[in-house]
């Protein structure tokens, strides 16, 4: 990849709802006036794919459209596949930022672990690029993205201006609201999915098929420093996210314990 020498930012866009999803089209609409865009996105929904890759099958890709400042590819792959393909085959120069979204549905708290939207942003971060994921707390295909529009380009330009430490990205979630009180920088709330399995009736095979279902159980609903609290109170939630999963406090504790009392 050639280094970026042009003044207009060059962005690699992807998502997990498909190249024709309303959220991604909103991103393109808002960013294109100020940025050059390469879009590499799935050819259909890939929600919940997290960081999965297509390791056992080839990835089909087709050029959807190409015009000055905007090139769009649709692929049969996962969101992570799309970012890998874009960076290894389609980029004209090193992107200033990888942008994923806008997801139809929130990716706050535990949802970030399952999210294909976050998977695409995380892949950008793994490749040494700053990355941002956008999500709206509305799963409807015709969700109203109008309130988000004034914020998208400023977030992107701020992310490029500030830069990010290696292996980090921004997880930005918008509440479903006609307007927002502002931006809250907070941590990921502790939560989990419960009652996740429903039996799927079958005329011949009892308990052979199941639906994934359930609901998200909040484990600290009163904490006011989390992404969930921000969203519940009509704030935009920005959570800086690290790909290094090491628990450093536990690391130091284990080092001390194993030094004092070796296993063997």
Protein backbone atom coordinates (compact mmCIF):
# COMPACT_ATOMS: atom_id res chain seq x y z
CA UNK A 1 0.00 0.00 0.00
CA UNK A 2 1.31 3.43 -0.91
CA UNK A 3 1.39 6.03 1.82
CA UNK A 4 -1.38 8.60 1.76
CA UNK A 5 -0.14 11.89 0.29
CA UNK A 6 -3.49 13.46 -0.62
CA UNK A 7 -5.33 16.01 1.50
CA UNK A 8 -8.75 14.34 1.38
CA UNK A 9 -8.93 11.51 3.91
CA UNK A 10 -9.08 8.04 2.38
CA UNK A 11 -11.41 5.65 4.25
CA UNK A 12 -12.10 1.93 4.03
CA UNK A 13 -15.76 1.26 4.89
CA UNK A 14 -17.45 -2.03 5.75
CA UNK A 15 -20.35 -3.35 7.81
CA UNK A 16 -22.22 -6.53 8.74
CA UNK A 17 -25.68 -5.68 7.37
CA UNK A 18 -24.75 -5.75 3.69
CA UNK A 19 -23.47 -3.25 1.15
CA UNK A 20 -26.98 -1.93 0.41
CA UNK A 21 -28.03 -1.50 4.06
CA UNK A 22 -29.44 1.88 5.00
CA UNK A 23 -26.83 2.41 7.72
CA UNK A 24 -23.90 2.03 5.35
CA UNK A 25 -25.60 4.17 2.72
CA UNK A 26 -26.01 6.90 5.35
CA UNK A 27 -22.29 6.73 6.12
CA UNK A 28 -21.45 7.07 2.44
CA UNK A 29 -23.81 10.03 2.05
CA UNK A 30 -22.31 11.89 5.02
CA UNK A 31 -18.61 11.13 4.47
CA UNK A 32 -18.31 11.36 0.70
CA UNK A 33 -18.34 15.18 0.46
CA UNK A 34 -15.11 15.35 2.51
CA UNK A 35 -13.46 11.93 2.04
CA UNK A 36 -12.52 9.42 -0.64
CA UNK A 37 -14.23 6.11 0.09
CA UNK A 38 -13.48 2.47 -0.65
CA UNK A 39 -16.42 0.29 0.41
CA UNK A 40 -15.91 -3.46 0.75
CA UNK A 41 -18.96 -4.99 2.41
CA UNK A 42 -20.83 -8.30 2.54
CA UNK A 43 -23.41 -9.04 -0.14
CA UNK A 44 -26.00 -9.75 2.56
CA UNK A 45 -26.51 -9.72 6.35
CA UNK A 46 -23.65 -11.06 8.49
CA UNK A 47 -24.78 -9.99 11.96
CA UNK A 48 -23.17 -11.85 14.86
CA UNK A 49 -20.15 -12.96 12.84
CA UNK A 50 -17.72 -11.22 15.23
CA UNK A 51 -14.14 -11.85 13.98
CA UNK A 52 -14.97 -14.94 11.92
CA UNK A 53 -13.18 -15.55 8.62
CA UNK A 54 -13.89 -17.72 5.58
CA UNK A 55 -11.03 -20.17 5.96
CA UNK A 56 -12.60 -23.16 4.15
CA UNK A 57 -14.15 -21.57 1.09
CA UNK A 58 -13.17 -18.97 -1.50
CA UNK A 59 -14.57 -15.45 -1.26
CA UNK A 60 -16.51 -14.14 -4.22
CA UNK A 61 -16.30 -10.41 -4.87
CA UNK A 62 -17.89 -8.14 -7.44
CA UNK A 63 -17.52 -4.48 -8.29
CA UNK A 64 -20.86 -2.77 -7.61
CA UNK A 65 -19.90 0.73 -8.76
CA UNK A 66 -16.88 2.93 -9.33
CA UNK A 67 -16.82 6.70 -9.69
CA UNK A 68 -14.51 9.48 -8.53
CA UNK A 69 -14.13 9.32 -4.76
CA UNK A 70 -16.30 6.22 -4.29
CA UNK A 71 -15.69 2.56 -5.12
CA UNK A 72 -18.02 -0.18 -3.84
CA UNK A 73 -17.42 -3.95 -3.75
CA UNK A 74 -19.82 -6.62 -2.47
CA UNK A 75 -18.40 -9.95 -1.29
CA UNK A 76 -19.60 -13.33 -0.10
CA UNK A 77 -17.31 -13.07 2.91
CA UNK A 78 -17.60 -12.00 6.54
CA UNK A 79 -16.99 -8.42 7.71
CA UNK A 80 -13.41 -9.34 8.63
CA UNK A 81 -12.94 -10.94 5.21
CA UNK A 82 -14.07 -7.68 3.63
CA UNK A 83 -11.49 -5.61 5.49
CA UNK A 84 -8.74 -8.11 4.70
CA UNK A 85 -9.72 -8.14 1.03
CA UNK A 86 -9.90 -4.37 0.86
CA UNK A 87 -6.47 -3.87 2.44
CA UNK A 88 -4.75 -6.60 0.43
CA UNK A 89 -6.31 -6.09 -3.00
CA UNK A 90 -8.38 -2.97 -3.48
CA UNK A 91 -6.90 0.01 -1.61
CA UNK A 92 -5.24 2.72 -3.69
CA UNK A 93 -3.20 3.95 -0.74
CA UNK A 94 -3.04 3.40 3.02
CA UNK A 95 -6.40 4.31 4.52
CA UNK A 96 -6.47 7.06 7.11
CA UNK A 97 -9.25 5.22 8.93
CA UNK A 98 -11.30 2.02 8.81
CA UNK A 99 -14.97 2.75 9.43
CA UNK A 100 -17.55 0.05 10.16
CA UNK A 101 -21.33 0.48 10.30
CA UNK A 102 -23.70 2.05 10.77
CA UNK A 103 -25.06 -1.11 12.38
CA UNK A 104 -28.80 -1.66 12.64
CA UNK A 105 -28.83 -2.47 16.36
CA UNK A 106 -26.62 -1.55 19.31
CA UNK A 107 -23.18 -2.96 19.94
CA UNK A 108 -22.79 -1.75 23.51
CA UNK A 109 -21.60 -3.86 26.44
CA UNK A 110 -21.59 -7.63 25.76
CA UNK A 111 -22.91 -7.20 22.22
CA UNK A 112 -19.52 -5.89 21.14
CA UNK A 113 -18.08 -9.40 21.55
CA UNK A 114 -20.52 -10.92 19.04
CA UNK A 115 -20.67 -8.03 16.59
CA UNK A 116 -19.56 -8.30 12.98
CA UNK A 117 -19.49 -4.50 12.96
CA UNK A 118 -16.91 -4.52 15.73
CA UNK A 119 -15.14 -7.41 14.01
CA UNK A 120 -14.50 -5.26 10.94
CA UNK A 121 -13.24 -2.34 13.03
CA UNK A 122 -11.09 -4.70 15.08
CA UNK A 123 -9.50 -6.11 11.93
CA UNK A 124 -8.52 -2.60 10.89
CA UNK A 125 -6.95 -2.07 14.31
CA UNK A 126 -5.10 -5.41 14.06
CA UNK A 127 -3.62 -4.21 10.78
CA UNK A 128 -2.22 -1.09 12.46
CA UNK A 129 -4.90 1.35 11.32
CA UNK A 130 -7.15 3.56 13.43
CA UNK A 131 -10.71 2.29 13.31
CA UNK A 132 -14.20 3.35 14.34
CA UNK A 133 -17.45 1.36 14.59
CA UNK A 134 -20.84 3.09 14.47
CA UNK A 135 -24.11 1.52 15.66
CA UNK A 136 -27.68 2.70 16.23
CA UNK A 137 -29.99 1.15 18.83
CA UNK A 138 -32.62 0.31 16.22
CA UNK A 139 -32.68 -3.05 14.44
CA UNK A 140 -35.31 -2.11 11.85
CA UNK A 141 -34.16 -2.18 8.19
CA UNK A 142 -35.77 1.26 7.76
CA UNK A 143 -34.29 2.71 10.95
CA UNK A 144 -34.15 6.52 11.09
CA UNK A 145 -30.50 7.59 10.75
CA UNK A 146 -31.32 11.28 10.27
CA UNK A 147 -30.39 12.35 13.85
CA UNK A 148 -26.93 10.75 13.43
CA UNK A 149 -25.93 12.62 10.29
CA UNK A 150 -24.45 15.77 11.88
CA UNK A 151 -22.13 13.65 14.04
CA UNK A 152 -20.63 11.17 11.58
CA UNK A 153 -18.07 13.29 9.75
CA UNK A 154 -16.95 15.15 12.92
CA UNK A 155 -16.35 11.79 14.67
CA UNK A 156 -14.35 10.54 11.69
CA UNK A 157 -12.23 13.67 11.42
CA UNK A 158 -11.60 13.70 15.17
CA UNK A 159 -10.50 10.05 15.08
CA UNK A 160 -8.03 10.81 12.27
CA UNK A 161 -6.78 13.94 14.00
CA UNK A 162 -6.24 12.28 17.38
CA UNK A 163 -4.96 8.95 16.13
CA UNK A 164 -5.19 5.84 18.27
CA UNK A 165 -2.76 3.64 20.16
CA UNK A 166 -1.93 0.37 18.38
CA UNK A 167 -4.58 -2.35 18.55
CA UNK A 168 -7.39 -0.06 19.69
CA UNK A 169 -10.57 1.31 18.11
CA UNK A 170 -13.59 3.40 19.00
CA UNK A 171 -16.97 1.76 19.60
CA UNK A 172 -19.63 4.45 19.09
CA UNK A 173 -23.29 3.72 19.81
CA UNK A 174 -26.21 6.07 19.20
CA UNK A 175 -29.45 5.78 21.18
CA UNK A 176 -32.76 5.54 19.36
CA UNK A 177 -33.83 9.12 19.93
CA UNK A 178 -34.83 12.17 17.87
CA UNK A 179 -31.87 14.10 19.28
CA UNK A 180 -28.94 13.50 21.63
CA UNK A 181 -27.84 15.17 24.86
CA UNK A 182 -24.18 14.96 23.89
CA UNK A 183 -21.32 12.45 23.90
CA UNK A 184 -20.38 10.39 26.94
CA UNK A 185 -17.02 8.60 27.06
CA UNK A 186 -17.51 5.47 29.12
CA UNK A 187 -16.52 1.90 29.72
CA UNK A 188 -18.22 -1.25 28.52
CA UNK A 189 -21.07 -2.22 30.85
CA UNK A 190 -21.07 -5.68 32.38
CA UNK A 191 -23.95 -7.73 30.99
CA UNK A 192 -24.72 -11.14 29.56
CA UNK A 193 -27.30 -12.87 27.40
CA UNK A 194 -29.63 -15.23 29.28
CA UNK A 195 -32.41 -17.71 28.37
CA UNK A 196 -30.75 -17.94 24.99
CA UNK A 197 -32.19 -21.20 23.63
CA UNK A 198 -35.75 -21.84 22.46
CA UNK A 199 -36.96 -25.20 21.19
CA UNK A 200 -37.92 -25.26 17.54
CA UNK A 201 -40.90 -27.53 16.96
CA UNK A 202 -40.41 -30.20 14.34
CA UNK A 203 -43.02 -32.78 13.31
CA UNK A 204 -40.58 -35.70 13.50
CA UNK A 205 -37.53 -34.75 15.58
CA UNK A 206 -38.21 -33.55 19.11
CA UNK A 207 -35.54 -31.25 20.56
CA UNK A 208 -33.35 -31.58 17.47
CA UNK A 209 -33.61 -27.94 16.41
CA UNK A 210 -33.29 -24.75 18.43
CA UNK A 211 -33.58 -20.97 18.01
CA UNK A 212 -31.03 -18.61 19.50
CA UNK A 213 -33.05 -16.03 21.42
CA UNK A 214 -32.92 -14.59 24.94
CA UNK A 215 -32.36 -11.11 26.27
CA UNK A 216 -29.49 -9.01 27.57
CA UNK A 217 -29.32 -9.02 31.38
CA UNK A 218 -27.74 -5.90 32.89
CA UNK A 219 -25.38 -6.71 35.75
CA UNK A 220 -24.78 -3.16 36.96
CA UNK A 221 -27.79 -1.07 35.91
CA UNK A 222 -27.06 1.79 38.32
CA UNK A 223 -23.45 2.39 37.20
CA UNK A 224 -23.34 5.80 35.50
CA UNK A 225 -19.94 5.46 33.81
CA UNK A 226 -20.95 2.82 31.21
CA UNK A 227 -22.05 2.74 27.60
CA UNK A 228 -25.45 1.35 28.61
CA UNK A 229 -26.14 4.22 31.03
CA UNK A 230 -25.27 6.75 28.34
CA UNK A 231 -27.63 5.15 25.83
CA UNK A 232 -30.49 4.84 28.31
CA UNK A 233 -30.16 8.58 29.01
CA UNK A 234 -30.05 9.63 25.33
CA UNK A 235 -26.31 10.24 25.12
CA UNK A 236 -24.04 8.99 22.35
CA UNK A 237 -21.76 6.37 23.94
CA UNK A 238 -18.11 6.27 22.90
CA UNK A 239 -16.13 3.36 24.34
CA UNK A 240 -12.40 3.10 23.57
CA UNK A 241 -11.80 -0.59 22.95
CA UNK A 242 -8.56 -2.55 23.20
CA UNK A 243 -7.89 -5.75 21.29
CA UNK A 244 -5.36 -6.87 23.92
CA UNK A 245 -7.50 -9.04 26.20
CA UNK A 246 -4.83 -9.44 28.86
CA UNK A 247 -6.05 -8.75 32.40
CA UNK A 248 -2.99 -6.91 33.68
CA UNK A 249 -4.08 -6.81 37.32
CA UNK A 250 -4.60 -10.57 37.29
CA UNK A 251 -1.32 -10.96 35.38
CA UNK A 252 0.62 -9.27 38.19
CA UNK A 253 -1.21 -11.31 40.81
CA UNK A 254 -0.43 -14.59 39.02
CA UNK A 255 3.22 -13.63 38.53
CA UNK A 256 3.55 -12.96 42.24
CA UNK A 257 1.71 -16.11 43.25
CA UNK A 258 3.64 -18.44 40.91
CA UNK A 259 6.94 -16.86 41.97
CA UNK A 260 6.23 -17.47 45.64
CA UNK A 261 4.71 -20.91 45.09
CA UNK A 262 5.84 -22.67 41.91
CA UNK A 263 3.42 -25.18 40.41
CA UNK A 264 5.99 -28.02 40.47
